[in-house]
């Protein structure tokens, strides 16, 4: 996808052209004010894809927060639990050692 950068003043003068380039040509345009990006013109399909990605990310973060809260509740009941990523790494190391005949 091609991207161009234009001033907001230029965009005002060429809005129709920039929208057509986004909608039919797949070209996005970054709108700048004093050489700093402020907004963008993208096709509606790209906008929907970006929105879905954002929603998916937010949903995943919400699930992770729920899992962290659940882990904290379990930890209070069962004592301190090891970090699962550390535990998996330890188990992998043990398995590699077993496969290499070191244990």
C-alpha atoms as a PDB file:
ATOM      1  CA  UNK A   1       0.000   0.000   0.000  1.00  0.00           C
ATOM      2  CA  UNK A   2       1.467   3.340  -1.064  1.00  0.00           C
ATOM      3  CA  UNK A   3       1.514   6.202   1.393  1.00  0.00           C
ATOM      4  CA  UNK A   4       1.973   9.874   0.728  1.00  0.00           C
ATOM      5  CA  UNK A   5       2.332  12.800   3.108  1.00  0.00           C
ATOM      6  CA  UNK A   6       0.625  16.130   2.488  1.00  0.00           C
ATOM      7  CA  UNK A   7      -0.138  19.258   4.449  1.00  0.00           C
ATOM      8  CA  UNK A   8      -3.660  19.746   5.695  1.00  0.00           C
ATOM      9  CA  UNK A   9      -3.890  22.854   3.492  1.00  0.00           C
ATOM     10  CA  UNK A  10      -3.008  20.771   0.420  1.00  0.00           C
ATOM     11  CA  UNK A  11      -5.495  18.106   1.512  1.00  0.00           C
ATOM     12  CA  UNK A  12      -8.279  20.697   1.720  1.00  0.00           C
ATOM     13  CA  UNK A  13      -7.614  21.660  -1.880  1.00  0.00           C
ATOM     14  CA  UNK A  14      -7.397  18.052  -3.123  1.00  0.00           C
ATOM     15  CA  UNK A  15      -9.766  16.179  -0.806  1.00  0.00           C
ATOM     16  CA  UNK A  16     -11.758  14.498  -3.579  1.00  0.00           C
ATOM     17  CA  UNK A  17      -8.595  13.279  -5.297  1.00  0.00           C
ATOM     18  CA  UNK A  18      -7.108  11.956  -2.042  1.00  0.00           C
ATOM     19  CA  UNK A  19     -10.321  10.102  -1.170  1.00  0.00           C
ATOM     20  CA  UNK A  20     -10.457   8.494  -4.630  1.00  0.00           C
ATOM     21  CA  UNK A  21      -6.796   7.455  -4.347  1.00  0.00           C
ATOM     22  CA  UNK A  22      -7.589   5.782  -1.023  1.00  0.00           C
ATOM     23  CA  UNK A  23     -10.849   4.182  -2.107  1.00  0.00           C
ATOM     24  CA  UNK A  24      -9.839   2.943  -5.551  1.00  0.00           C
ATOM     25  CA  UNK A  25      -6.057   3.006  -5.614  1.00  0.00           C
ATOM     26  CA  UNK A  26      -5.224   1.673  -2.165  1.00  0.00           C
ATOM     27  CA  UNK A  27      -3.116   4.756  -1.443  1.00  0.00           C
ATOM     28  CA  UNK A  28      -3.223   6.184   2.064  1.00  0.00           C
ATOM     29  CA  UNK A  29      -2.415   9.798   2.833  1.00  0.00           C
ATOM     30  CA  UNK A  30      -0.931  11.151   6.035  1.00  0.00           C
ATOM     31  CA  UNK A  31      -2.169  14.656   6.822  1.00  0.00           C
ATOM     32  CA  UNK A  32       0.451  16.884   8.418  1.00  0.00           C
ATOM     33  CA  UNK A  33       0.369  20.179  10.244  1.00  0.00           C
ATOM     34  CA  UNK A  34       3.761  21.861  10.583  1.00  0.00           C
ATOM     35  CA  UNK A  35       5.420  18.658   9.336  1.00  0.00           C
ATOM     36  CA  UNK A  36       3.861  16.568  12.106  1.00  0.00           C
ATOM     37  CA  UNK A  37       1.377  13.767  11.317  1.00  0.00           C
ATOM     38  CA  UNK A  38      -2.124  14.578  12.552  1.00  0.00           C
ATOM     39  CA  UNK A  39      -4.491  12.202  10.756  1.00  0.00           C
ATOM     40  CA  UNK A  40      -4.761   9.890   7.769  1.00  0.00           C
ATOM     41  CA  UNK A  41      -7.023   9.190   4.838  1.00  0.00           C
ATOM     42  CA  UNK A  42      -7.369   5.451   4.226  1.00  0.00           C
ATOM     43  CA  UNK A  43      -9.823   3.273   2.334  1.00  0.00           C
ATOM     44  CA  UNK A  44     -12.881   2.099   4.215  1.00  0.00           C
ATOM     45  CA  UNK A  45     -11.642  -1.501   3.923  1.00  0.00           C
ATOM     46  CA  UNK A  46      -8.369  -0.516   5.617  1.00  0.00           C
ATOM     47  CA  UNK A  47     -10.280   1.374   8.297  1.00  0.00           C
ATOM     48  CA  UNK A  48     -12.415  -1.703   9.047  1.00  0.00           C
ATOM     49  CA  UNK A  49      -9.317  -3.906   9.223  1.00  0.00           C
ATOM     50  CA  UNK A  50      -7.639  -1.476  11.630  1.00  0.00           C
ATOM     51  CA  UNK A  51     -10.787  -1.300  13.780  1.00  0.00           C
ATOM     52  CA  UNK A  52     -11.058  -5.112  13.938  1.00  0.00           C
ATOM     53  CA  UNK A  53      -7.386  -5.384  14.897  1.00  0.00           C
ATOM     54  CA  UNK A  54      -7.859  -2.807  17.655  1.00  0.00           C
ATOM     55  CA  UNK A  55     -10.982  -4.597  18.937  1.00  0.00           C
ATOM     56  CA  UNK A  56      -9.177  -7.949  18.899  1.00  0.00           C
ATOM     57  CA  UNK A  57      -6.212  -6.476  20.786  1.00  0.00           C
ATOM     58  CA  UNK A  58      -8.496  -4.916  23.399  1.00  0.00           C
ATOM     59  CA  UNK A  59     -10.366  -8.211  23.803  1.00  0.00           C
ATOM     60  CA  UNK A  60      -7.095 -10.088  24.247  1.00  0.00           C
ATOM     61  CA  UNK A  61      -5.886  -7.598  26.844  1.00  0.00           C
ATOM     62  CA  UNK A  62      -9.182  -7.938  28.738  1.00  0.00           C
ATOM     63  CA  UNK A  63      -8.794 -11.730  28.776  1.00  0.00           C
ATOM     64  CA  UNK A  64      -5.206 -11.418  30.023  1.00  0.00           C
ATOM     65  CA  UNK A  65      -6.327  -9.078  32.804  1.00  0.00           C
ATOM     66  CA  UNK A  66      -9.011 -11.581  33.822  1.00  0.00           C
ATOM     67  CA  UNK A  67      -6.438 -14.382  33.820  1.00  0.00           C
ATOM     68  CA  UNK A  68      -4.064 -12.300  35.962  1.00  0.00           C
ATOM     69  CA  UNK A  69      -6.878 -11.671  38.459  1.00  0.00           C
ATOM     70  CA  UNK A  70      -7.768 -15.379  38.492  1.00  0.00           C
ATOM     71  CA  UNK A  71      -4.140 -16.321  39.025  1.00  0.00           C
ATOM     72  CA  UNK A  72      -3.903 -13.880  41.927  1.00  0.00           C
ATOM     73  CA  UNK A  73      -7.019 -15.399  43.537  1.00  0.00           C
ATOM     74  CA  UNK A  74      -5.668 -18.929  43.090  1.00  0.00           C
ATOM     75  CA  UNK A  75      -2.304 -17.843  44.444  1.00  0.00           C
ATOM     76  CA  UNK A  76      -3.901 -16.471  47.599  1.00  0.00           C
ATOM     77  CA  UNK A  77      -5.632 -19.795  48.188  1.00  0.00           C
ATOM     78  CA  UNK A  78      -2.813 -22.149  47.214  1.00  0.00           C
ATOM     79  CA  UNK A  79       0.221 -20.122  48.150  1.00  0.00           C
ATOM     80  CA  UNK A  80       2.592 -18.582  45.649  1.00  0.00           C
ATOM     81  CA  UNK A  81       2.410 -20.062  42.175  1.00  0.00           C
ATOM     82  CA  UNK A  82       5.402 -20.124  39.842  1.00  0.00           C
ATOM     83  CA  UNK A  83       5.326 -17.985  36.735  1.00  0.00           C
ATOM     84  CA  UNK A  84       3.954 -20.263  34.013  1.00  0.00           C
ATOM     85  CA  UNK A  85       6.476 -19.090  31.411  1.00  0.00           C
ATOM     86  CA  UNK A  86       9.331 -19.873  33.796  1.00  0.00           C
ATOM     87  CA  UNK A  87       7.807 -23.257  34.578  1.00  0.00           C
ATOM     88  CA  UNK A  88       7.439 -24.103  30.885  1.00  0.00           C
ATOM     89  CA  UNK A  89      11.042 -23.054  30.219  1.00  0.00           C
ATOM     90  CA  UNK A  90      12.231 -25.273  33.081  1.00  0.00           C
ATOM     91  CA  UNK A  91      10.222 -28.218  31.756  1.00  0.00           C
ATOM     92  CA  UNK A  92      11.641 -27.709  28.262  1.00  0.00           C
ATOM     93  CA  UNK A  93      15.181 -27.665  29.617  1.00  0.00           C
ATOM     94  CA  UNK A  94      14.527 -30.917  31.496  1.00  0.00           C
ATOM     95  CA  UNK A  95      13.106 -32.528  28.370  1.00  0.00           C
ATOM     96  CA  UNK A  96      16.074 -31.422  26.240  1.00  0.00           C
ATOM     97  CA  UNK A  97      18.453 -32.797  28.881  1.00  0.00           C
ATOM     98  CA  UNK A  98      16.566 -36.111  28.882  1.00  0.00           C
ATOM     99  CA  UNK A  99      16.694 -36.315  25.094  1.00  0.00           C
ATOM    100  CA  UNK A 100      20.416 -35.605  25.127  1.00  0.00           C
ATOM    101  CA  UNK A 101      20.949 -38.327  27.728  1.00  0.00           C
ATOM    102  CA  UNK A 102      22.264 -35.939  30.379  1.00  0.00           C
ATOM    103  CA  UNK A 103      19.829 -37.118  33.040  1.00  0.00           C
END
